[in-house]
Amino acid sequence: MATPRRGRPARDARSGARGSVLALLAVSTALVSTTQPWVVRQGVDAAGVSTQESWTGRELAAPVVAVLLVVAAAGLAGLAWRGRPGLGARVLALVAAVAALGLVVAARPADPTPWWWVGLAGAAAAVVGTLMAVPPAPRARRSGGAAPPTDPGPATGPEVEAHEQARRSDEASWAALSKGEDPTIAPARSEEGAAGTMSDEGADGSRVDPSSR
């Protein structure tokens, strides 16, 4: 039964490592796409000469390169560090990946080239990878923690007294059975003994000899 509890942290660690590797590959793909033209426009100038203009991803979305580098650096730190520093680095990588995806979407030209789609896919894959790298929170932490147990105190009342009397009666019955007596007739014998004792005494309290009757 304890094996699943020990195996879950190992599975989370492997999933986090795979997510970090996926994020690094996605960032590399997105960075390559920023060096390629995201939009190409062709036209004809006043002299009738055909012209062609192109803008790369760095020209359309200059901040996206810096943000992708932050994702890569934070992802590497998350792989190298353990504990809270590593968790903080992975969360930073996730936030930066989401920001990079937003910048790529905002820089979408009217007629994008396939390289813009490559950059979009790389940024989206970076978000997925960094999300996989962040370990899930424990249930108790997600639910706000378990409530501490409270002591209701000793219970009192007629039901408790009746239960206590029944318990004592059971103990007395078991004690009689252990002595070889019948607990159902023990009270009758006690009453007969008490009656015999009273009959052996006179009205003035003196003892009467039964043989003189």
Protein backbone atom coordinates (compact mmCIF):
# COMPACT_ATOMS: atom_id res chain seq x y z
CA MET A 1 0.00 0.00 0.00
CA ALA A 2 2.91 2.36 0.62
CA THR A 3 4.40 1.84 -2.85
CA PRO A 4 2.04 4.26 -4.67
CA ARG A 5 2.82 7.00 -2.16
CA ARG A 6 6.52 6.57 -2.69
CA GLY A 7 6.14 6.33 -6.48
CA ARG A 8 4.08 9.47 -6.94
CA PRO A 9 6.93 11.94 -6.23
CA ALA A 10 9.12 10.02 -8.66
CA ARG A 11 6.43 10.21 -11.36
CA ASP A 12 6.02 13.94 -10.73
CA ALA A 13 9.77 14.44 -11.03
CA ARG A 14 9.92 12.54 -14.32
CA SER A 15 6.94 14.47 -15.67
CA GLY A 16 8.56 17.75 -14.62
CA ALA A 17 11.82 16.83 -16.34
CA ARG A 18 10.00 15.90 -19.55
CA GLY A 19 8.05 19.14 -19.41
CA SER A 20 11.22 21.19 -18.99
CA VAL A 21 12.88 19.44 -21.94
CA LEU A 22 9.78 20.02 -24.07
CA ALA A 23 9.76 23.69 -23.10
CA LEU A 24 13.44 24.12 -24.02
CA LEU A 25 12.92 22.51 -27.43
CA ALA A 26 9.85 24.65 -28.03
CA VAL A 27 11.72 27.82 -27.08
CA SER A 28 14.52 26.93 -29.50
CA THR A 29 11.99 26.47 -32.29
CA ALA A 30 10.30 29.77 -31.51
CA LEU A 31 13.63 31.61 -31.41
CA VAL A 32 14.57 30.23 -34.82
CA SER A 33 11.24 31.38 -36.23
CA THR A 34 11.85 34.95 -35.04
CA THR A 35 14.86 35.22 -37.36
CA GLN A 36 12.70 34.35 -40.38
CA PRO A 37 10.17 36.58 -42.17
CA TRP A 38 6.74 36.51 -40.64
CA VAL A 39 5.19 38.54 -43.41
CA VAL A 40 6.17 39.20 -47.04
CA ARG A 41 4.55 41.86 -49.21
CA GLN A 42 5.05 42.28 -52.89
CA GLY A 43 4.18 45.32 -54.93
CA VAL A 44 5.05 47.50 -57.89
CA ASP A 45 6.63 50.91 -57.53
CA ALA A 46 5.92 53.98 -59.65
CA ALA A 47 8.50 52.92 -62.23
CA GLY A 48 6.75 49.60 -62.72
CA VAL A 49 9.42 47.61 -60.94
CA SER A 50 8.19 44.81 -58.68
CA THR A 51 9.22 45.16 -55.07
CA GLN A 52 9.20 42.80 -52.11
CA GLU A 53 9.28 43.71 -48.45
CA SER A 54 9.55 41.34 -45.51
CA TRP A 55 9.57 41.67 -41.74
CA THR A 56 11.02 39.11 -39.39
CA GLY A 57 9.60 38.08 -36.07
CA ARG A 58 12.16 40.18 -34.24
CA GLU A 59 11.03 43.24 -36.15
CA LEU A 60 7.35 42.63 -35.53
CA ALA A 61 7.66 41.50 -31.91
CA ALA A 62 11.00 42.58 -30.52
CA PRO A 63 10.24 41.75 -26.85
CA VAL A 64 9.35 38.14 -27.65
CA VAL A 65 13.02 37.21 -28.05
CA ALA A 66 13.92 38.44 -24.56
CA VAL A 67 10.89 36.72 -23.04
CA LEU A 68 11.75 33.42 -24.73
CA LEU A 69 15.28 33.68 -23.35
CA VAL A 70 13.78 34.11 -19.87
CA VAL A 71 11.76 30.93 -20.41
CA ALA A 72 14.91 29.04 -21.39
CA ALA A 73 16.97 30.34 -18.46
CA ALA A 74 14.22 29.69 -15.91
CA GLY A 75 13.62 26.21 -17.34
CA LEU A 76 17.30 25.31 -16.99
CA ALA A 77 17.31 26.64 -13.43
CA GLY A 78 14.23 24.55 -12.64
CA LEU A 79 16.06 21.44 -13.83
CA ALA A 80 19.20 22.20 -11.84
CA TRP A 81 17.66 23.43 -8.59
CA ARG A 82 15.61 21.50 -6.06
CA GLY A 83 13.05 22.55 -3.51
CA ARG A 84 11.48 25.99 -3.45
CA PRO A 85 14.12 27.67 -5.67
CA GLY A 86 13.48 25.12 -8.39
CA LEU A 87 9.72 25.50 -8.02
CA GLY A 88 10.04 29.29 -8.24
CA ALA A 89 12.12 29.01 -11.41
CA ARG A 90 9.55 26.71 -13.03
CA VAL A 91 6.70 29.04 -12.16
CA LEU A 92 8.68 31.95 -13.64
CA ALA A 93 9.22 29.93 -16.82
CA LEU A 94 5.48 29.27 -17.04
CA VAL A 95 4.61 32.95 -16.65
CA ALA A 96 7.21 33.97 -19.24
CA ALA A 97 5.97 31.32 -21.69
CA VAL A 98 2.41 32.63 -21.40
CA ALA A 99 3.71 36.17 -22.00
CA ALA A 100 5.67 35.02 -25.07
CA LEU A 101 2.57 33.33 -26.48
CA GLY A 102 0.61 36.53 -26.00
CA LEU A 103 3.28 38.58 -27.78
CA VAL A 104 3.33 36.21 -30.76
CA VAL A 105 -0.46 36.33 -31.05
CA ALA A 106 -0.47 40.12 -30.78
CA ALA A 107 2.16 40.42 -33.54
CA ARG A 108 0.16 38.36 -36.04
CA PRO A 109 0.31 40.09 -39.43
CA ALA A 110 -2.56 40.25 -41.88
CA ASP A 111 -1.04 37.59 -44.13
CA PRO A 112 1.45 35.64 -42.04
CA THR A 113 4.02 33.30 -43.49
CA PRO A 114 4.43 29.71 -42.26
CA TRP A 115 7.23 30.93 -39.99
CA TRP A 116 4.77 32.89 -37.88
CA TRP A 117 2.79 29.69 -37.38
CA VAL A 118 6.00 27.93 -36.39
CA GLY A 119 6.64 30.62 -33.80
CA LEU A 120 3.07 30.31 -32.52
CA ALA A 121 3.38 26.54 -32.21
CA GLY A 122 6.71 26.89 -30.40
CA ALA A 123 5.29 29.39 -27.90
CA ALA A 124 2.23 27.22 -27.27
CA ALA A 125 4.40 24.13 -26.77
CA ALA A 126 6.54 26.11 -24.33
CA VAL A 127 3.43 26.89 -22.28
CA VAL A 128 2.48 23.20 -22.21
CA GLY A 129 6.01 22.14 -21.26
CA THR A 130 6.37 24.66 -18.46
CA LEU A 131 2.93 23.71 -17.17
CA MET A 132 4.01 20.07 -17.03
CA ALA A 133 7.18 21.09 -15.18
CA VAL A 134 5.24 22.67 -12.30
CA PRO A 135 4.35 19.93 -9.78
CA PRO A 136 0.70 19.68 -8.72
CA ALA A 137 -0.22 20.98 -5.30
CA PRO A 138 -1.18 18.49 -2.58
CA ARG A 139 -4.86 17.95 -1.94
CA ALA A 140 -4.70 19.30 1.59
CA ARG A 141 -3.06 22.47 0.33
CA ARG A 142 -5.54 22.93 -2.49
CA SER A 143 -8.48 22.51 -0.14
CA GLY A 144 -7.05 24.91 2.42
CA GLY A 145 -5.72 22.22 4.77
CA ALA A 146 -7.50 19.71 6.92
CA ALA A 147 -9.41 21.00 9.93
CA PRO A 148 -7.77 20.09 13.24
CA PRO A 149 -9.64 17.44 15.21
CA THR A 150 -11.81 18.77 18.04
CA ASP A 151 -12.50 17.10 21.36
CA PRO A 152 -16.27 16.94 21.90
CA GLY A 153 -15.76 16.27 25.60
CA PRO A 154 -17.39 13.61 27.74
CA ALA A 155 -20.97 12.83 26.76
CA THR A 156 -23.66 13.07 29.42
CA GLY A 157 -27.39 12.49 29.58
CA PRO A 158 -30.02 9.83 30.30
CA GLU A 159 -28.91 7.67 27.38
CA VAL A 160 -25.35 7.59 28.69
CA GLU A 161 -26.56 6.64 32.19
CA ALA A 162 -28.76 3.85 30.81
CA HIS A 163 -25.83 2.57 28.77
CA GLU A 164 -23.61 2.61 31.86
CA GLN A 165 -26.20 0.68 33.89
CA ALA A 166 -26.53 -1.91 31.14
CA ARG A 167 -22.77 -2.25 31.00
CA ARG A 168 -22.57 -2.82 34.76
CA SER A 169 -25.40 -5.38 34.58
CA ASP A 170 -23.53 -7.26 31.87
CA GLU A 171 -20.37 -7.25 33.97
CA ALA A 172 -22.30 -8.62 36.95
CA SER A 173 -23.84 -11.37 34.80
CA TRP A 174 -20.44 -12.41 33.46
CA ALA A 175 -19.04 -12.43 36.99
CA ALA A 176 -21.87 -14.72 38.14
CA LEU A 177 -21.34 -17.06 35.21
CA SER A 178 -17.62 -17.25 35.93
CA LYS A 179 -18.49 -18.43 39.47
CA GLY A 180 -20.83 -21.14 38.16
CA GLU A 181 -23.99 -19.33 39.23
CA ASP A 182 -27.11 -18.55 37.26
CA PRO A 183 -27.37 -14.75 37.05
CA THR A 184 -31.14 -14.98 36.48
CA ILE A 185 -31.86 -16.58 39.88
CA ALA A 186 -29.12 -14.99 41.92
CA PRO A 187 -31.34 -12.06 42.98
CA ALA A 188 -34.09 -14.48 44.13
CA ARG A 189 -31.66 -16.38 46.31
CA SER A 190 -30.50 -13.15 47.83
CA GLU A 191 -34.09 -12.17 48.63
CA GLU A 192 -34.83 -15.59 50.16
CA GLY A 193 -31.73 -15.35 52.30
CA ALA A 194 -32.74 -11.93 53.47
CA ALA A 195 -36.28 -13.13 54.28
CA GLY A 196 -34.94 -16.10 56.24
CA THR A 197 -32.71 -13.85 58.28
CA MET A 198 -35.59 -11.59 59.15
CA SER A 199 -37.78 -14.54 60.21
CA ASP A 200 -35.11 -15.84 62.54
CA GLU A 201 -35.23 -12.61 64.52
CA GLY A 202 -37.91 -11.80 66.98
CA ALA A 203 -39.93 -8.70 67.21
CA ASP A 204 -37.53 -7.31 69.80
CA GLY A 205 -34.53 -8.07 67.67
CA SER A 206 -33.53 -11.26 69.59
CA ARG A 207 -32.68 -14.34 67.61
CA VAL A 208 -35.30 -17.12 67.55
CA ASP A 209 -34.34 -20.76 67.38
CA PRO A 210 -36.16 -22.35 64.45
CA SER A 211 -36.36 -25.75 66.29
CA SER A 212 -38.53 -24.25 69.02
CA ARG A 213 -41.30 -23.45 66.54
